[in-house]
């Protein structure tokens, strides 16, 4: 058996092993993600997975609704937001109050400045893991 054949066989075996261990329910895979922003006075969803909609609740406040509900509200989310200016004004994705909801069907997030005032962003990226 040639070296190329052995490498090919090894790669095939590794692929089968990984496929058997990493399925759609693996906790390291994102359950939902979305790239959206508030542009021209409306929410624009550029790309998404398992996200039914993004609704602007107020300036800088959004509700992301999942297409398929998660098993419970014990999930982790992480997000980032782009500054609207090139002057170094930061935007942070946060949850600020108990009124912000985190349920199996949706999560509320806020986009804020570093001074903690709500502000919209042209690009917000959110990823949900469970």
N, C-alpha and C. Protein backbone atom coordinates (compact mmCIF):
# COMPACT_ATOMS: atom_id res chain seq x y z
N UNK A 1 0.84 -1.16 0.00
CA UNK A 1 0.00 0.00 0.00
C UNK A 1 0.90 1.24 0.00
N UNK A 2 0.62 2.17 -0.87
CA UNK A 2 1.44 3.37 -0.98
C UNK A 2 1.16 4.34 0.18
N UNK A 3 2.07 5.28 0.35
CA UNK A 3 1.91 6.29 1.39
C UNK A 3 0.64 7.10 1.15
N UNK A 4 0.38 7.47 -0.08
CA UNK A 4 -0.82 8.25 -0.41
C UNK A 4 -2.08 7.46 -0.05
N UNK A 5 -2.10 6.17 -0.31
CA UNK A 5 -3.25 5.33 0.03
C UNK A 5 -3.44 5.25 1.53
N UNK A 6 -2.33 5.12 2.26
CA UNK A 6 -2.42 5.05 3.72
C UNK A 6 -2.94 6.36 4.31
N UNK A 7 -2.44 7.48 3.79
CA UNK A 7 -2.90 8.79 4.27
C UNK A 7 -4.38 8.96 3.96
N UNK A 8 -4.81 8.55 2.77
CA UNK A 8 -6.22 8.63 2.39
C UNK A 8 -7.09 7.78 3.31
N UNK A 9 -6.63 6.57 3.62
CA UNK A 9 -7.39 5.68 4.50
C UNK A 9 -7.47 6.27 5.91
N UNK A 10 -6.36 6.84 6.39
CA UNK A 10 -6.35 7.46 7.71
C UNK A 10 -7.30 8.65 7.76
N UNK A 11 -7.27 9.49 6.75
CA UNK A 11 -8.17 10.65 6.70
C UNK A 11 -9.62 10.20 6.71
N UNK A 12 -9.93 9.14 5.98
CA UNK A 12 -11.30 8.61 5.96
C UNK A 12 -11.72 8.11 7.33
N UNK A 13 -10.81 7.41 8.01
CA UNK A 13 -11.13 6.89 9.34
C UNK A 13 -11.32 8.02 10.34
N UNK A 14 -10.47 9.02 10.29
CA UNK A 14 -10.62 10.18 11.18
C UNK A 14 -11.97 10.86 10.94
N UNK A 15 -12.33 11.02 9.69
CA UNK A 15 -13.62 11.63 9.35
C UNK A 15 -14.79 10.85 9.91
N UNK A 16 -14.75 9.52 9.81
CA UNK A 16 -15.83 8.69 10.35
C UNK A 16 -15.90 8.78 11.87
N UNK A 17 -14.74 8.81 12.53
CA UNK A 17 -14.71 8.91 13.99
C UNK A 17 -15.28 10.24 14.47
N UNK A 18 -14.88 11.33 13.81
CA UNK A 18 -15.36 12.65 14.20
C UNK A 18 -16.87 12.75 13.95
N UNK A 19 -17.33 12.25 12.82
CA UNK A 19 -18.75 12.30 12.50
C UNK A 19 -19.57 11.53 13.53
N UNK A 20 -19.05 10.44 14.04
CA UNK A 20 -19.76 9.64 15.04
C UNK A 20 -19.81 10.34 16.39
N UNK A 21 -18.86 11.22 16.68
CA UNK A 21 -18.79 11.86 17.99
C UNK A 21 -19.38 13.26 18.03
N UNK A 22 -19.39 13.95 16.91
CA UNK A 22 -19.89 15.32 16.86
C UNK A 22 -21.16 15.34 16.02
N UNK A 23 -22.29 15.26 16.71
CA UNK A 23 -23.58 15.31 16.03
C UNK A 23 -24.23 16.66 16.19
N UNK A 24 -25.43 16.80 15.68
CA UNK A 24 -26.14 18.08 15.74
C UNK A 24 -26.44 18.52 17.16
N UNK A 25 -26.43 17.60 18.12
CA UNK A 25 -26.72 17.96 19.50
C UNK A 25 -25.47 18.21 20.34
N UNK A 26 -24.31 18.22 19.73
CA UNK A 26 -23.06 18.46 20.45
C UNK A 26 -23.09 19.86 21.07
N UNK A 27 -22.73 20.01 22.37
CA UNK A 27 -22.82 21.31 23.02
C UNK A 27 -21.86 22.37 22.48
N UNK A 28 -20.87 21.97 21.72
CA UNK A 28 -19.93 22.94 21.17
C UNK A 28 -20.40 23.60 19.89
N UNK A 29 -21.54 23.16 19.38
CA UNK A 29 -22.08 23.75 18.15
C UNK A 29 -23.10 24.83 18.48
N UNK A 30 -23.11 25.88 17.69
CA UNK A 30 -24.07 26.96 17.91
C UNK A 30 -25.48 26.47 17.62
N UNK A 31 -26.40 26.77 18.51
CA UNK A 31 -27.81 26.42 18.32
C UNK A 31 -28.51 27.48 17.48
N UNK A 32 -27.99 28.71 17.54
CA UNK A 32 -28.54 29.82 16.75
C UNK A 32 -27.46 30.89 16.61
N UNK A 33 -27.52 31.63 15.51
CA UNK A 33 -26.65 32.78 15.34
C UNK A 33 -27.31 33.73 14.36
N UNK A 34 -26.94 34.99 14.47
CA UNK A 34 -27.52 35.99 13.58
C UNK A 34 -26.57 37.17 13.42
N UNK A 35 -26.53 37.69 12.22
CA UNK A 35 -25.83 38.93 11.90
C UNK A 35 -26.91 39.91 11.44
N UNK A 36 -27.13 40.97 12.24
CA UNK A 36 -28.17 41.94 11.90
C UNK A 36 -27.71 43.33 12.28
N UNK A 37 -28.50 44.30 11.92
CA UNK A 37 -28.21 45.68 12.30
C UNK A 37 -29.43 46.55 12.10
N UNK A 38 -29.34 47.75 12.61
CA UNK A 38 -30.41 48.72 12.43
C UNK A 38 -29.91 49.73 11.40
N UNK A 39 -30.47 49.63 10.21
CA UNK A 39 -30.00 50.42 9.07
C UNK A 39 -31.20 51.07 8.38
N UNK A 40 -31.13 52.36 8.14
CA UNK A 40 -32.23 53.04 7.44
C UNK A 40 -33.55 52.92 8.17
N UNK A 41 -33.53 53.02 9.48
CA UNK A 41 -34.73 52.97 10.32
C UNK A 41 -35.44 51.62 10.31
N UNK A 42 -34.69 50.54 10.03
CA UNK A 42 -35.28 49.20 10.10
C UNK A 42 -34.22 48.17 10.45
N UNK A 43 -34.67 47.05 11.02
CA UNK A 43 -33.78 45.94 11.34
C UNK A 43 -33.51 45.18 10.04
N UNK A 44 -32.24 44.97 9.76
CA UNK A 44 -31.82 44.22 8.57
C UNK A 44 -31.08 42.97 9.05
N UNK A 45 -31.63 41.79 8.73
CA UNK A 45 -30.96 40.53 9.04
C UNK A 45 -30.16 40.12 7.81
N UNK A 46 -28.84 40.06 7.97
CA UNK A 46 -27.98 39.73 6.84
C UNK A 46 -27.82 38.22 6.65
N UNK A 47 -27.70 37.49 7.76
CA UNK A 47 -27.57 36.04 7.71
C UNK A 47 -27.95 35.50 9.08
N UNK A 48 -28.46 34.25 9.10
CA UNK A 48 -28.90 33.69 10.38
C UNK A 48 -29.04 32.18 10.28
N UNK A 49 -29.00 31.56 11.44
CA UNK A 49 -29.29 30.13 11.59
C UNK A 49 -30.20 29.96 12.80
N UNK A 50 -31.33 29.30 12.64
CA UNK A 50 -32.32 29.05 13.68
C UNK A 50 -32.82 30.34 14.33
N UNK A 51 -32.93 31.39 13.54
CA UNK A 51 -33.49 32.65 14.01
C UNK A 51 -34.70 32.98 13.13
N UNK A 52 -35.87 33.12 13.77
CA UNK A 52 -37.09 33.43 13.04
C UNK A 52 -37.20 34.92 12.76
N UNK A 53 -36.79 35.74 13.75
CA UNK A 53 -36.92 37.18 13.56
C UNK A 53 -36.08 37.94 14.58
N UNK A 54 -35.83 39.21 14.25
CA UNK A 54 -35.19 40.15 15.17
C UNK A 54 -36.10 41.37 15.21
N UNK A 55 -36.53 41.74 16.41
CA UNK A 55 -37.44 42.86 16.58
C UNK A 55 -36.76 43.93 17.41
N UNK A 56 -36.85 45.17 16.96
CA UNK A 56 -36.32 46.29 17.73
C UNK A 56 -37.37 46.71 18.74
N UNK A 57 -37.06 46.58 20.02
CA UNK A 57 -38.00 46.92 21.08
C UNK A 57 -37.95 48.41 21.42
N UNK A 58 -36.77 49.00 21.28
CA UNK A 58 -36.52 50.41 21.55
C UNK A 58 -35.12 50.69 21.00
N UNK A 59 -34.68 51.95 20.97
CA UNK A 59 -33.32 52.21 20.49
C UNK A 59 -32.29 51.36 21.24
N UNK A 60 -31.52 50.58 20.51
CA UNK A 60 -30.47 49.75 21.08
C UNK A 60 -30.96 48.49 21.78
N UNK A 61 -32.26 48.20 21.75
CA UNK A 61 -32.81 47.02 22.42
C UNK A 61 -33.50 46.13 21.41
N UNK A 62 -33.15 44.83 21.43
CA UNK A 62 -33.64 43.90 20.42
C UNK A 62 -34.09 42.59 21.04
N UNK A 63 -35.07 41.96 20.41
CA UNK A 63 -35.50 40.61 20.78
C UNK A 63 -35.20 39.70 19.59
N UNK A 64 -34.41 38.65 19.85
CA UNK A 64 -34.08 37.66 18.83
C UNK A 64 -34.93 36.42 19.13
N UNK A 65 -35.82 36.09 18.20
CA UNK A 65 -36.71 34.93 18.36
C UNK A 65 -36.15 33.76 17.58
N UNK A 66 -36.14 32.58 18.22
CA UNK A 66 -35.59 31.38 17.60
C UNK A 66 -36.64 30.69 16.72
N UNK A 67 -36.20 30.14 15.61
CA UNK A 67 -37.10 29.39 14.73
C UNK A 67 -37.54 28.09 15.39
N UNK A 68 -36.60 27.39 16.01
CA UNK A 68 -36.90 26.19 16.80
C UNK A 68 -36.50 26.49 18.24
N UNK A 69 -37.44 26.35 19.17
CA UNK A 69 -37.11 26.67 20.57
C UNK A 69 -35.96 25.81 21.10
N UNK A 70 -35.22 26.37 22.03
CA UNK A 70 -34.17 25.64 22.72
C UNK A 70 -34.82 24.80 23.83
N UNK A 71 -34.13 23.78 24.35
CA UNK A 71 -34.74 22.91 25.35
C UNK A 71 -35.13 23.64 26.64
N UNK A 72 -34.40 24.70 26.98
CA UNK A 72 -34.67 25.47 28.19
C UNK A 72 -33.92 26.80 28.07
N UNK A 73 -33.96 27.57 29.13
CA UNK A 73 -33.30 28.89 29.10
C UNK A 73 -31.87 28.84 29.64
N UNK A 74 -31.32 27.65 29.82
CA UNK A 74 -29.96 27.50 30.36
C UNK A 74 -28.92 27.50 29.24
N UNK A 75 -28.98 28.47 28.37
CA UNK A 75 -28.03 28.57 27.28
C UNK A 75 -27.11 29.76 27.50
N UNK A 76 -26.06 29.76 26.74
CA UNK A 76 -25.07 30.84 26.79
C UNK A 76 -25.15 31.62 25.49
N UNK A 77 -25.10 32.92 25.57
CA UNK A 77 -25.03 33.70 24.34
C UNK A 77 -23.86 34.67 24.45
N UNK A 78 -23.31 34.97 23.30
CA UNK A 78 -22.22 35.92 23.22
C UNK A 78 -22.47 36.79 22.00
N UNK A 79 -22.16 38.06 22.12
CA UNK A 79 -22.41 38.96 21.00
C UNK A 79 -21.46 40.12 20.98
N UNK A 80 -21.35 40.70 19.81
CA UNK A 80 -20.53 41.89 19.62
C UNK A 80 -21.29 42.86 18.72
N UNK A 81 -20.96 44.12 18.84
CA UNK A 81 -21.59 45.14 18.02
C UNK A 81 -20.52 46.07 17.46
N UNK A 82 -20.75 46.54 16.28
CA UNK A 82 -19.81 47.45 15.62
C UNK A 82 -20.15 48.89 15.96
N UNK A 83 -19.13 49.71 16.11
CA UNK A 83 -19.32 51.13 16.35
C UNK A 83 -19.94 51.77 15.11
N UNK A 84 -20.75 52.78 15.33
CA UNK A 84 -21.36 53.50 14.20
C UNK A 84 -20.44 54.57 13.64
N UNK A 85 -19.33 54.83 14.32
CA UNK A 85 -18.42 55.87 13.86
C UNK A 85 -16.99 55.33 13.84
N UNK A 86 -16.10 56.06 13.25
CA UNK A 86 -14.69 55.69 13.23
C UNK A 86 -13.89 56.45 14.28
N UNK A 87 -14.58 56.99 15.27
CA UNK A 87 -13.91 57.81 16.28
C UNK A 87 -13.58 57.02 17.54
N UNK A 88 -13.75 55.71 17.50
CA UNK A 88 -13.44 54.89 18.66
C UNK A 88 -14.59 54.70 19.61
N UNK A 89 -15.79 55.18 19.24
CA UNK A 89 -16.96 54.99 20.09
C UNK A 89 -17.30 53.51 20.11
N UNK A 90 -17.25 52.91 21.29
CA UNK A 90 -17.48 51.48 21.39
C UNK A 90 -18.96 51.17 21.50
N UNK A 91 -19.32 49.96 21.05
CA UNK A 91 -20.66 49.42 21.25
C UNK A 91 -20.50 48.07 21.92
N UNK A 92 -21.33 47.81 22.92
CA UNK A 92 -21.28 46.57 23.67
C UNK A 92 -22.64 45.89 23.59
N UNK A 93 -22.66 44.57 23.56
CA UNK A 93 -23.91 43.84 23.61
C UNK A 93 -24.09 43.33 25.03
N UNK A 94 -25.20 43.73 25.66
CA UNK A 94 -25.38 43.46 27.08
C UNK A 94 -26.83 43.10 27.39
N UNK A 95 -27.05 42.61 28.60
CA UNK A 95 -28.38 42.53 29.21
C UNK A 95 -28.30 43.39 30.44
N UNK A 96 -29.23 44.31 30.61
CA UNK A 96 -29.09 45.30 31.68
C UNK A 96 -30.07 45.15 32.82
N UNK A 97 -31.21 44.52 32.62
CA UNK A 97 -32.19 44.50 33.69
C UNK A 97 -32.94 43.18 33.74
N UNK A 98 -33.67 42.97 34.80
CA UNK A 98 -34.46 41.75 34.92
C UNK A 98 -35.61 41.74 33.92
N UNK A 99 -35.95 42.89 33.36
CA UNK A 99 -36.99 42.94 32.34
C UNK A 99 -36.51 42.33 31.01
N UNK A 100 -35.21 42.25 30.82
CA UNK A 100 -34.68 41.61 29.61
C UNK A 100 -34.92 40.11 29.74
N UNK A 101 -35.59 39.53 28.74
CA UNK A 101 -35.99 38.13 28.82
C UNK A 101 -34.99 37.19 28.18
N UNK A 102 -34.91 36.01 28.74
CA UNK A 102 -34.09 34.92 28.21
C UNK A 102 -34.94 33.66 28.39
N UNK A 103 -35.58 33.22 27.32
CA UNK A 103 -36.49 32.09 27.37
C UNK A 103 -36.08 31.07 26.30
N UNK A 104 -36.70 29.91 26.28
CA UNK A 104 -36.39 28.94 25.22
C UNK A 104 -36.77 29.44 23.82
N UNK A 105 -37.66 30.43 23.73
CA UNK A 105 -38.11 30.91 22.41
C UNK A 105 -37.45 32.20 21.95
N UNK A 106 -36.84 32.96 22.86
CA UNK A 106 -36.21 34.22 22.47
C UNK A 106 -35.25 34.73 23.54
N UNK A 107 -34.42 35.68 23.13
CA UNK A 107 -33.51 36.35 24.06
C UNK A 107 -33.52 37.84 23.73
N UNK A 108 -33.54 38.67 24.77
CA UNK A 108 -33.47 40.12 24.60
C UNK A 108 -32.03 40.56 24.84
N UNK A 109 -31.53 41.40 23.95
CA UNK A 109 -30.18 41.93 24.11
C UNK A 109 -30.23 43.44 23.92
N UNK A 110 -29.27 44.10 24.53
CA UNK A 110 -29.16 45.54 24.39
C UNK A 110 -27.82 45.92 23.82
N UNK A 111 -27.82 46.88 22.96
CA UNK A 111 -26.59 47.41 22.39
C UNK A 111 -26.38 48.77 23.05
N UNK A 112 -25.25 48.92 23.73
CA UNK A 112 -25.01 50.13 24.49
C UNK A 112 -23.63 50.71 24.20
N UNK A 113 -23.50 51.97 24.50
CA UNK A 113 -22.19 52.62 24.40
C UNK A 113 -21.39 52.27 25.64
N UNK A 114 -20.12 52.62 25.64
CA UNK A 114 -19.30 52.37 26.82
C UNK A 114 -19.76 53.20 28.01
N UNK A 115 -20.58 54.22 27.77
CA UNK A 115 -21.15 55.02 28.85
C UNK A 115 -22.47 54.42 29.34
N UNK A 116 -22.81 53.23 28.83
CA UNK A 116 -24.00 52.47 29.25
C UNK A 116 -25.33 53.08 28.82
N UNK A 117 -25.33 53.86 27.74
CA UNK A 117 -26.60 54.34 27.19
C UNK A 117 -26.91 53.50 25.96
N UNK A 118 -28.19 53.16 25.78
CA UNK A 118 -28.58 52.33 24.65
C UNK A 118 -28.33 53.06 23.34
N UNK A 119 -27.84 52.32 22.33
CA UNK A 119 -27.56 52.89 21.03
C UNK A 119 -27.65 51.80 19.97
N UNK A 120 -28.21 52.12 18.84
CA UNK A 120 -28.30 51.16 17.74
C UNK A 120 -26.94 50.98 17.10
N UNK A 121 -26.82 49.90 16.34
CA UNK A 121 -25.59 49.62 15.60
C UNK A 121 -25.98 49.06 14.23
N UNK A 122 -25.16 49.37 13.25
CA UNK A 122 -25.41 48.85 11.90
C UNK A 122 -25.04 47.38 11.78
N UNK A 123 -24.26 46.85 12.73
CA UNK A 123 -23.90 45.43 12.70
C UNK A 123 -23.79 44.87 14.10
N UNK A 124 -24.64 43.87 14.38
CA UNK A 124 -24.63 43.15 15.63
C UNK A 124 -24.55 41.68 15.31
N UNK A 125 -23.66 40.96 15.99
CA UNK A 125 -23.51 39.52 15.78
C UNK A 125 -23.76 38.81 17.09
N UNK A 126 -24.67 37.84 17.08
CA UNK A 126 -25.06 37.10 18.28
C UNK A 126 -24.97 35.62 18.00
N UNK A 127 -24.38 34.86 18.93
CA UNK A 127 -24.27 33.40 18.82
C UNK A 127 -24.81 32.80 20.10
N UNK A 128 -25.59 31.71 19.97
CA UNK A 128 -26.20 31.04 21.11
C UNK A 128 -25.71 29.60 21.17
N UNK A 129 -25.21 29.18 22.34
CA UNK A 129 -24.74 27.81 22.56
C UNK A 129 -25.60 27.15 23.63
N UNK A 130 -25.83 25.85 23.47
CA UNK A 130 -26.55 25.08 24.51
C UNK A 130 -26.04 23.64 24.45
